[in-house]
């Protein structure tokens, strides 16, 4: 990983796509969540996306209070 971060090797797109297949995530998940990716977060985001604006505000308020 350090070699990639230090730009001493190039990562091919096919290799990245293969990696995502192996770990069972979409390429969108890889770039959106990066190293913090986990399926619980993805599930939460999907559920949250389906809420009404009013319910989203309630959840955000609750999360701020629990912080």
N, C-alpha and C. Protein backbone atom coordinates (compact mmCIF):
# COMPACT_ATOMS: atom_id res chain seq x y z
N UNK A 1 0.82 -1.19 0.00
CA UNK A 1 0.00 0.00 0.00
C UNK A 1 0.87 1.26 0.00
N UNK A 2 1.97 1.22 0.74
CA UNK A 2 2.85 2.39 0.79
C UNK A 2 3.42 2.69 -0.59
N UNK A 3 3.69 1.65 -1.37
CA UNK A 3 4.23 1.86 -2.71
C UNK A 3 3.22 2.61 -3.58
N UNK A 4 1.95 2.30 -3.42
CA UNK A 4 0.91 3.00 -4.17
C UNK A 4 0.82 4.44 -3.68
N UNK A 5 0.80 4.62 -2.36
CA UNK A 5 0.70 5.97 -1.79
C UNK A 5 1.90 6.82 -2.18
N UNK A 6 3.08 6.22 -2.25
CA UNK A 6 4.30 6.96 -2.62
C UNK A 6 4.45 7.12 -4.12
N UNK A 7 3.48 6.61 -4.86
CA UNK A 7 3.45 6.69 -6.32
C UNK A 7 4.64 6.00 -6.97
N UNK A 8 5.17 4.95 -6.31
CA UNK A 8 6.27 4.22 -6.90
C UNK A 8 5.78 3.07 -7.78
N UNK A 9 4.48 2.76 -7.71
CA UNK A 9 3.87 1.83 -8.67
C UNK A 9 2.56 2.42 -9.12
N UNK A 10 2.12 1.96 -10.27
CA UNK A 10 0.84 2.44 -10.80
C UNK A 10 -0.21 1.36 -10.65
N UNK A 11 -1.37 1.75 -10.21
CA UNK A 11 -2.47 0.83 -10.03
C UNK A 11 -3.36 0.91 -11.27
N UNK A 12 -3.53 -0.21 -11.94
CA UNK A 12 -4.39 -0.24 -13.12
C UNK A 12 -5.85 -0.29 -12.69
N UNK A 13 -6.70 0.28 -13.50
CA UNK A 13 -8.13 0.31 -13.19
C UNK A 13 -8.66 -1.12 -13.07
N UNK A 14 -8.24 -2.01 -13.94
CA UNK A 14 -8.71 -3.40 -13.86
C UNK A 14 -8.34 -4.02 -12.52
N UNK A 15 -7.16 -3.73 -12.02
CA UNK A 15 -6.75 -4.27 -10.72
C UNK A 15 -7.65 -3.74 -9.61
N UNK A 16 -7.98 -2.46 -9.67
CA UNK A 16 -8.88 -1.87 -8.68
C UNK A 16 -10.26 -2.51 -8.77
N UNK A 17 -10.77 -2.69 -9.97
CA UNK A 17 -12.08 -3.32 -10.15
C UNK A 17 -12.07 -4.76 -9.64
N UNK A 18 -10.99 -5.49 -9.91
CA UNK A 18 -10.87 -6.85 -9.41
C UNK A 18 -10.85 -6.87 -7.88
N UNK A 19 -10.12 -5.93 -7.30
CA UNK A 19 -10.07 -5.83 -5.84
C UNK A 19 -11.47 -5.60 -5.27
N UNK A 20 -12.21 -4.68 -5.87
CA UNK A 20 -13.57 -4.39 -5.38
C UNK A 20 -14.45 -5.63 -5.48
N UNK A 21 -14.29 -6.42 -6.55
CA UNK A 21 -15.05 -7.67 -6.67
C UNK A 21 -14.69 -8.64 -5.55
N UNK A 22 -13.42 -8.75 -5.26
CA UNK A 22 -12.96 -9.69 -4.23
C UNK A 22 -13.52 -9.31 -2.85
N UNK A 23 -13.52 -8.03 -2.53
CA UNK A 23 -14.01 -7.61 -1.21
C UNK A 23 -15.50 -7.26 -1.21
N UNK A 24 -16.13 -7.48 -2.36
CA UNK A 24 -17.58 -7.32 -2.50
C UNK A 24 -18.07 -5.90 -2.19
N UNK A 25 -17.44 -4.93 -2.83
CA UNK A 25 -17.92 -3.55 -2.77
C UNK A 25 -17.95 -2.97 -4.18
N UNK A 26 -18.74 -1.95 -4.36
CA UNK A 26 -18.79 -1.29 -5.66
C UNK A 26 -17.66 -0.27 -5.74
N UNK A 27 -17.33 0.11 -6.94
CA UNK A 27 -16.29 1.12 -7.13
C UNK A 27 -16.72 2.45 -6.50
N UNK A 28 -18.02 2.73 -6.52
CA UNK A 28 -18.54 3.94 -5.89
C UNK A 28 -18.29 3.92 -4.39
N UNK A 29 -18.51 2.76 -3.77
CA UNK A 29 -18.26 2.63 -2.34
C UNK A 29 -16.79 2.84 -2.03
N UNK A 30 -15.92 2.30 -2.87
CA UNK A 30 -14.48 2.43 -2.65
C UNK A 30 -14.07 3.89 -2.60
N UNK A 31 -14.54 4.68 -3.56
CA UNK A 31 -14.13 6.08 -3.60
C UNK A 31 -14.90 6.95 -2.61
N UNK A 32 -16.14 6.58 -2.32
CA UNK A 32 -16.92 7.41 -1.40
C UNK A 32 -16.47 7.24 0.05
N UNK A 33 -16.30 6.00 0.46
CA UNK A 33 -15.99 5.74 1.86
C UNK A 33 -14.51 5.46 2.12
N UNK A 34 -13.76 5.14 1.09
CA UNK A 34 -12.33 4.91 1.23
C UNK A 34 -12.00 3.90 2.31
N UNK A 35 -11.01 4.20 3.12
CA UNK A 35 -10.54 3.26 4.13
C UNK A 35 -11.53 3.08 5.27
N UNK A 36 -12.50 3.96 5.37
CA UNK A 36 -13.49 3.86 6.45
C UNK A 36 -14.69 3.01 6.05
N UNK A 37 -14.63 2.39 4.86
CA UNK A 37 -15.76 1.60 4.36
C UNK A 37 -16.07 0.42 5.27
N UNK A 38 -17.34 0.25 5.51
CA UNK A 38 -17.82 -1.02 6.07
C UNK A 38 -19.29 -1.15 5.70
N UNK A 39 -19.77 -2.37 5.74
CA UNK A 39 -21.14 -2.62 5.27
C UNK A 39 -22.20 -1.99 6.17
N UNK A 40 -21.91 -1.83 7.45
CA UNK A 40 -22.87 -1.18 8.34
C UNK A 40 -23.07 0.28 7.95
N UNK A 41 -21.96 0.96 7.62
CA UNK A 41 -22.07 2.35 7.17
C UNK A 41 -22.87 2.45 5.88
N UNK A 42 -22.58 1.54 4.95
CA UNK A 42 -23.30 1.55 3.68
C UNK A 42 -24.79 1.32 3.91
N UNK A 43 -25.11 0.37 4.76
CA UNK A 43 -26.51 0.09 5.07
C UNK A 43 -27.18 1.31 5.67
N UNK A 44 -26.49 1.97 6.61
CA UNK A 44 -27.03 3.19 7.22
C UNK A 44 -27.29 4.26 6.16
N UNK A 45 -26.33 4.47 5.27
CA UNK A 45 -26.48 5.49 4.24
C UNK A 45 -27.65 5.19 3.31
N UNK A 46 -27.83 3.91 2.99
CA UNK A 46 -28.96 3.53 2.12
C UNK A 46 -30.29 3.77 2.83
N UNK A 47 -30.36 3.40 4.10
CA UNK A 47 -31.59 3.63 4.85
C UNK A 47 -31.87 5.12 5.01
N UNK A 48 -30.83 5.88 5.34
CA UNK A 48 -30.96 7.32 5.51
C UNK A 48 -31.43 8.00 4.23
N UNK A 49 -30.89 7.55 3.09
CA UNK A 49 -31.25 8.15 1.80
C UNK A 49 -32.74 8.00 1.48
N UNK A 50 -33.36 6.98 2.04
CA UNK A 50 -34.78 6.73 1.76
C UNK A 50 -35.73 7.47 2.70
N UNK A 51 -35.19 8.18 3.67
CA UNK A 51 -36.05 8.91 4.61
C UNK A 51 -36.55 10.23 4.01
N UNK A 52 -37.64 10.71 4.55
CA UNK A 52 -38.13 12.04 4.15
C UNK A 52 -37.18 13.09 4.72
N UNK A 53 -37.24 14.29 4.20
CA UNK A 53 -36.39 15.38 4.69
C UNK A 53 -36.63 15.62 6.18
N UNK A 54 -37.87 15.53 6.60
CA UNK A 54 -38.21 15.74 8.01
C UNK A 54 -37.58 14.65 8.89
N UNK A 55 -37.68 13.40 8.45
CA UNK A 55 -37.10 12.31 9.22
C UNK A 55 -35.57 12.36 9.23
N UNK A 56 -34.98 12.82 8.13
CA UNK A 56 -33.53 12.99 8.09
C UNK A 56 -33.10 14.01 9.14
N UNK A 57 -33.85 15.10 9.26
CA UNK A 57 -33.53 16.13 10.24
C UNK A 57 -33.62 15.57 11.66
N UNK A 58 -34.61 14.71 11.91
CA UNK A 58 -34.76 14.09 13.23
C UNK A 58 -33.55 13.21 13.54
N UNK A 59 -33.13 12.42 12.58
CA UNK A 59 -31.97 11.53 12.77
C UNK A 59 -30.70 12.33 12.99
N UNK A 60 -30.50 13.37 12.21
CA UNK A 60 -29.31 14.22 12.37
C UNK A 60 -29.30 14.86 13.75
N UNK A 61 -30.43 15.36 14.19
CA UNK A 61 -30.53 15.95 15.51
C UNK A 61 -30.20 14.95 16.60
N UNK A 62 -30.74 13.75 16.48
CA UNK A 62 -30.47 12.69 17.44
C UNK A 62 -28.98 12.33 17.46
N UNK A 63 -28.37 12.23 16.30
CA UNK A 63 -26.95 11.90 16.23
C UNK A 63 -26.09 12.98 16.88
N UNK A 64 -26.47 14.22 16.70
CA UNK A 64 -25.71 15.32 17.33
C UNK A 64 -25.82 15.24 18.85
N UNK A 65 -26.98 14.86 19.35
CA UNK A 65 -27.19 14.75 20.79
C UNK A 65 -26.43 13.56 21.38
N UNK A 66 -26.24 12.52 20.60
CA UNK A 66 -25.55 11.33 21.08
C UNK A 66 -24.04 11.45 21.03
N UNK A 67 -23.54 12.44 20.34
CA UNK A 67 -22.12 12.63 20.12
C UNK A 67 -21.31 12.78 21.36
